[in-house]
Amino acid sequence: MEHPGCVTFHEALVFKQKETEKRRNRRAVTITHELAHMWFGNLVTMEWWNDLWLNESFADFICYLSLTKYTIKKPLYNQWVDFNDSKQWGYQEDCHTTTHPIAGPIADT
């Protein structure tokens, strides 16, 4: 979860042993996604709650874009493949009858 100046995450993302590349990548995606919220979602807020979906989509895009630039110790595997996989999951979820609309009427907070 992101707050201005602080990002917290579940202890499962603190590895206690050697982890797979996929889990390392998942941790990096989670942290950079929340950092993207902190900088773009908290500082640049939508006009109203019905556009909240845009914050999530933009945070996803920015986190994958930033991870393509990450090469400090060991480069992460192809981020755009992972991004595409997550989009495919979203498309499949959209097909369900239980899926809610992207934006709907929200009368008040």
C-alpha atoms as a PDB file:
ATOM      1  CA  MET A   1       0.000   0.000   0.000  1.00  0.00           C
ATOM      2  CA  GLU A   2       1.285   3.442  -0.826  1.00  0.00           C
ATOM      3  CA  HIS A   3       1.220   6.579   1.277  1.00  0.00           C
ATOM      4  CA  PRO A   4       3.085   9.805   0.565  1.00  0.00           C
ATOM      5  CA  GLY A   5       6.683   9.050   1.487  1.00  0.00           C
ATOM      6  CA  CYS A   6       6.085   5.430   2.539  1.00  0.00           C
ATOM      7  CA  VAL A   7       5.393   2.201   0.694  1.00  0.00           C
ATOM      8  CA  THR A   8       4.533  -0.900   2.715  1.00  0.00           C
ATOM      9  CA  PHE A   9       4.172  -4.440   1.450  1.00  0.00           C
ATOM     10  CA  HIS A  10       3.428  -7.902   2.761  1.00  0.00           C
ATOM     11  CA  GLU A  11       6.247  -9.810   4.465  1.00  0.00           C
ATOM     12  CA  ALA A  12       5.937 -12.536   1.808  1.00  0.00           C
ATOM     13  CA  LEU A  13       7.862 -10.137  -0.433  1.00  0.00           C
ATOM     14  CA  VAL A  14      10.851 -10.215   1.961  1.00  0.00           C
ATOM     15  CA  PHE A  15      12.647 -13.310   0.732  1.00  0.00           C
ATOM     16  CA  LYS A  16      14.280 -15.502   3.341  1.00  0.00           C
ATOM     17  CA  GLN A  17      15.954 -17.808   0.829  1.00  0.00           C
ATOM     18  CA  LYS A  18      16.984 -17.824  -2.811  1.00  0.00           C
ATOM     19  CA  GLU A  19      13.947 -17.042  -4.912  1.00  0.00           C
ATOM     20  CA  THR A  20      12.966 -17.736  -8.461  1.00  0.00           C
ATOM     21  CA  GLU A  21      13.313 -15.052 -11.083  1.00  0.00           C
ATOM     22  CA  LYS A  22       9.527 -14.970 -11.433  1.00  0.00           C
ATOM     23  CA  ARG A  23       9.023 -14.200  -7.708  1.00  0.00           C
ATOM     24  CA  ARG A  24      11.773 -11.571  -7.807  1.00  0.00           C
ATOM     25  CA  ASN A  25      10.037  -9.987 -10.753  1.00  0.00           C
ATOM     26  CA  ARG A  26       6.636 -10.116  -9.032  1.00  0.00           C
ATOM     27  CA  ARG A  27       8.112  -8.286  -6.024  1.00  0.00           C
ATOM     28  CA  ALA A  28       9.634  -5.632  -8.276  1.00  0.00           C
ATOM     29  CA  VAL A  29       6.298  -5.168 -10.062  1.00  0.00           C
ATOM     30  CA  THR A  30       4.431  -4.799  -6.764  1.00  0.00           C
ATOM     31  CA  ILE A  31       6.841  -2.238  -5.344  1.00  0.00           C
ATOM     32  CA  THR A  32       7.149  -0.152  -8.499  1.00  0.00           C
ATOM     33  CA  HIS A  33       3.370  -0.258  -9.026  1.00  0.00           C
ATOM     34  CA  GLU A  34       2.847   1.203  -5.547  1.00  0.00           C
ATOM     35  CA  LEU A  35       5.594   3.784  -6.110  1.00  0.00           C
ATOM     36  CA  ALA A  36       3.854   4.804  -9.340  1.00  0.00           C
ATOM     37  CA  HIS A  37       0.653   5.313  -7.319  1.00  0.00           C
ATOM     38  CA  MET A  38       2.544   7.421  -4.834  1.00  0.00           C
ATOM     39  CA  TRP A  39       3.908   9.756  -7.498  1.00  0.00           C
ATOM     40  CA  PHE A  40       1.129   9.739 -10.085  1.00  0.00           C
ATOM     41  CA  GLY A  41      -1.951   8.479  -8.252  1.00  0.00           C
ATOM     42  CA  ASN A  42      -1.655  10.467  -5.034  1.00  0.00           C
ATOM     43  CA  LEU A  43      -0.212  13.651  -6.479  1.00  0.00           C
ATOM     44  CA  VAL A  44      -2.320  13.746  -9.638  1.00  0.00           C
ATOM     45  CA  THR A  45      -5.824  12.724  -8.623  1.00  0.00           C
ATOM     46  CA  MET A  46      -8.745  12.043 -10.909  1.00  0.00           C
ATOM     47  CA  GLU A  47     -11.575  14.557 -10.884  1.00  0.00           C
ATOM     48  CA  TRP A  48     -14.002  11.986  -9.481  1.00  0.00           C
ATOM     49  CA  TRP A  49     -13.983   8.377  -8.227  1.00  0.00           C
ATOM     50  CA  ASN A  50     -15.449   6.910 -11.430  1.00  0.00           C
ATOM     51  CA  ASP A  51     -12.079   7.424 -13.135  1.00  0.00           C
ATOM     52  CA  LEU A  52     -10.108   5.485 -10.523  1.00  0.00           C
ATOM     53  CA  TRP A  53      -9.496   2.693 -13.040  1.00  0.00           C
ATOM     54  CA  LEU A  54      -7.148   5.047 -14.864  1.00  0.00           C
ATOM     55  CA  ASN A  55      -4.864   5.231 -11.805  1.00  0.00           C
ATOM     56  CA  GLU A  56      -4.510   1.438 -11.799  1.00  0.00           C
ATOM     57  CA  SER A  57      -3.874   1.195 -15.533  1.00  0.00           C
ATOM     58  CA  PHE A  58      -1.347   4.015 -15.506  1.00  0.00           C
ATOM     59  CA  ALA A  59       0.453   2.603 -12.448  1.00  0.00           C
ATOM     60  CA  ASP A  60       0.714  -0.766 -14.206  1.00  0.00           C
ATOM     61  CA  PHE A  61       2.141   0.773 -17.361  1.00  0.00           C
ATOM     62  CA  ILE A  62       4.628   2.997 -15.494  1.00  0.00           C
ATOM     63  CA  CYS A  63       5.836   0.148 -13.277  1.00  0.00           C
ATOM     64  CA  TYR A  64       6.619  -2.072 -16.263  1.00  0.00           C
ATOM     65  CA  LEU A  65       8.193   0.822 -18.158  1.00  0.00           C
ATOM     66  CA  SER A  66      10.467   1.641 -15.212  1.00  0.00           C
ATOM     67  CA  LEU A  67      11.434  -2.015 -14.763  1.00  0.00           C
ATOM     68  CA  THR A  68      12.668  -2.185 -18.360  1.00  0.00           C
ATOM     69  CA  LYS A  69      15.353   0.290 -17.224  1.00  0.00           C
ATOM     70  CA  TYR A  70      16.342  -1.721 -14.104  1.00  0.00           C
ATOM     71  CA  THR A  71      19.687  -3.517 -14.471  1.00  0.00           C
ATOM     72  CA  ILE A  72      21.471  -2.942 -11.147  1.00  0.00           C
ATOM     73  CA  LYS A  73      22.550  -6.481 -10.138  1.00  0.00           C
ATOM     74  CA  LYS A  74      20.789  -8.866 -12.447  1.00  0.00           C
ATOM     75  CA  PRO A  75      18.442  -7.687 -15.187  1.00  0.00           C
ATOM     76  CA  LEU A  76      14.852  -8.771 -14.752  1.00  0.00           C
ATOM     77  CA  TYR A  77      13.407 -10.856 -17.542  1.00  0.00           C
ATOM     78  CA  ASN A  78      11.449  -9.273 -20.381  1.00  0.00           C
ATOM     79  CA  GLN A  79       9.021  -6.924 -18.670  1.00  0.00           C
ATOM     80  CA  TRP A  80       6.845  -6.389 -21.720  1.00  0.00           C
ATOM     81  CA  VAL A  81       6.122 -10.130 -21.924  1.00  0.00           C
ATOM     82  CA  ASP A  82       4.963 -10.038 -18.287  1.00  0.00           C
ATOM     83  CA  PHE A  83       2.930  -6.875 -18.971  1.00  0.00           C
ATOM     84  CA  ASN A  84       1.237  -8.572 -21.928  1.00  0.00           C
ATOM     85  CA  ASP A  85       0.502 -11.657 -19.803  1.00  0.00           C
ATOM     86  CA  SER A  86      -1.185  -9.482 -17.178  1.00  0.00           C
ATOM     87  CA  LYS A  87      -3.258  -7.797 -19.889  1.00  0.00           C
ATOM     88  CA  GLN A  88      -4.344 -11.218 -21.162  1.00  0.00           C
ATOM     89  CA  TRP A  89      -5.515 -12.092 -17.635  1.00  0.00           C
ATOM     90  CA  GLY A  90      -7.518  -8.845 -17.587  1.00  0.00           C
ATOM     91  CA  TYR A  91      -9.134  -9.641 -20.916  1.00  0.00           C
ATOM     92  CA  GLN A  92     -10.170 -13.079 -19.653  1.00  0.00           C
ATOM     93  CA  GLU A  93     -11.614 -11.602 -16.457  1.00  0.00           C
ATOM     94  CA  ASP A  94     -13.587  -9.076 -18.501  1.00  0.00           C
ATOM     95  CA  CYS A  95     -15.497 -11.913 -20.175  1.00  0.00           C
ATOM     96  CA  HIS A  96     -17.180 -13.012 -16.933  1.00  0.00           C
ATOM     97  CA  THR A  97     -20.758 -12.013 -16.176  1.00  0.00           C
ATOM     98  CA  THR A  98     -19.641 -10.941 -12.684  1.00  0.00           C
ATOM     99  CA  THR A  99     -17.235  -8.306 -14.028  1.00  0.00           C
ATOM    100  CA  HIS A 100     -18.144  -4.748 -13.051  1.00  0.00           C
ATOM    101  CA  PRO A 101     -17.914  -1.883 -15.538  1.00  0.00           C
ATOM    102  CA  ILE A 102     -14.704   0.141 -15.806  1.00  0.00           C
ATOM    103  CA  ALA A 103     -16.503   3.304 -14.760  1.00  0.00           C
ATOM    104  CA  GLY A 104     -19.902   3.644 -13.196  1.00  0.00           C
ATOM    105  CA  PRO A 105     -21.986   6.295 -11.502  1.00  0.00           C
ATOM    106  CA  ILE A 106     -20.706   7.167  -8.022  1.00  0.00           C
ATOM    107  CA  ALA A 107     -22.983   9.584  -6.198  1.00  0.00           C
ATOM    108  CA  ASP A 108     -20.727  10.337  -3.221  1.00  0.00           C
ATOM    109  CA  THR A 109     -17.656   9.127  -1.385  1.00  0.00           C
END
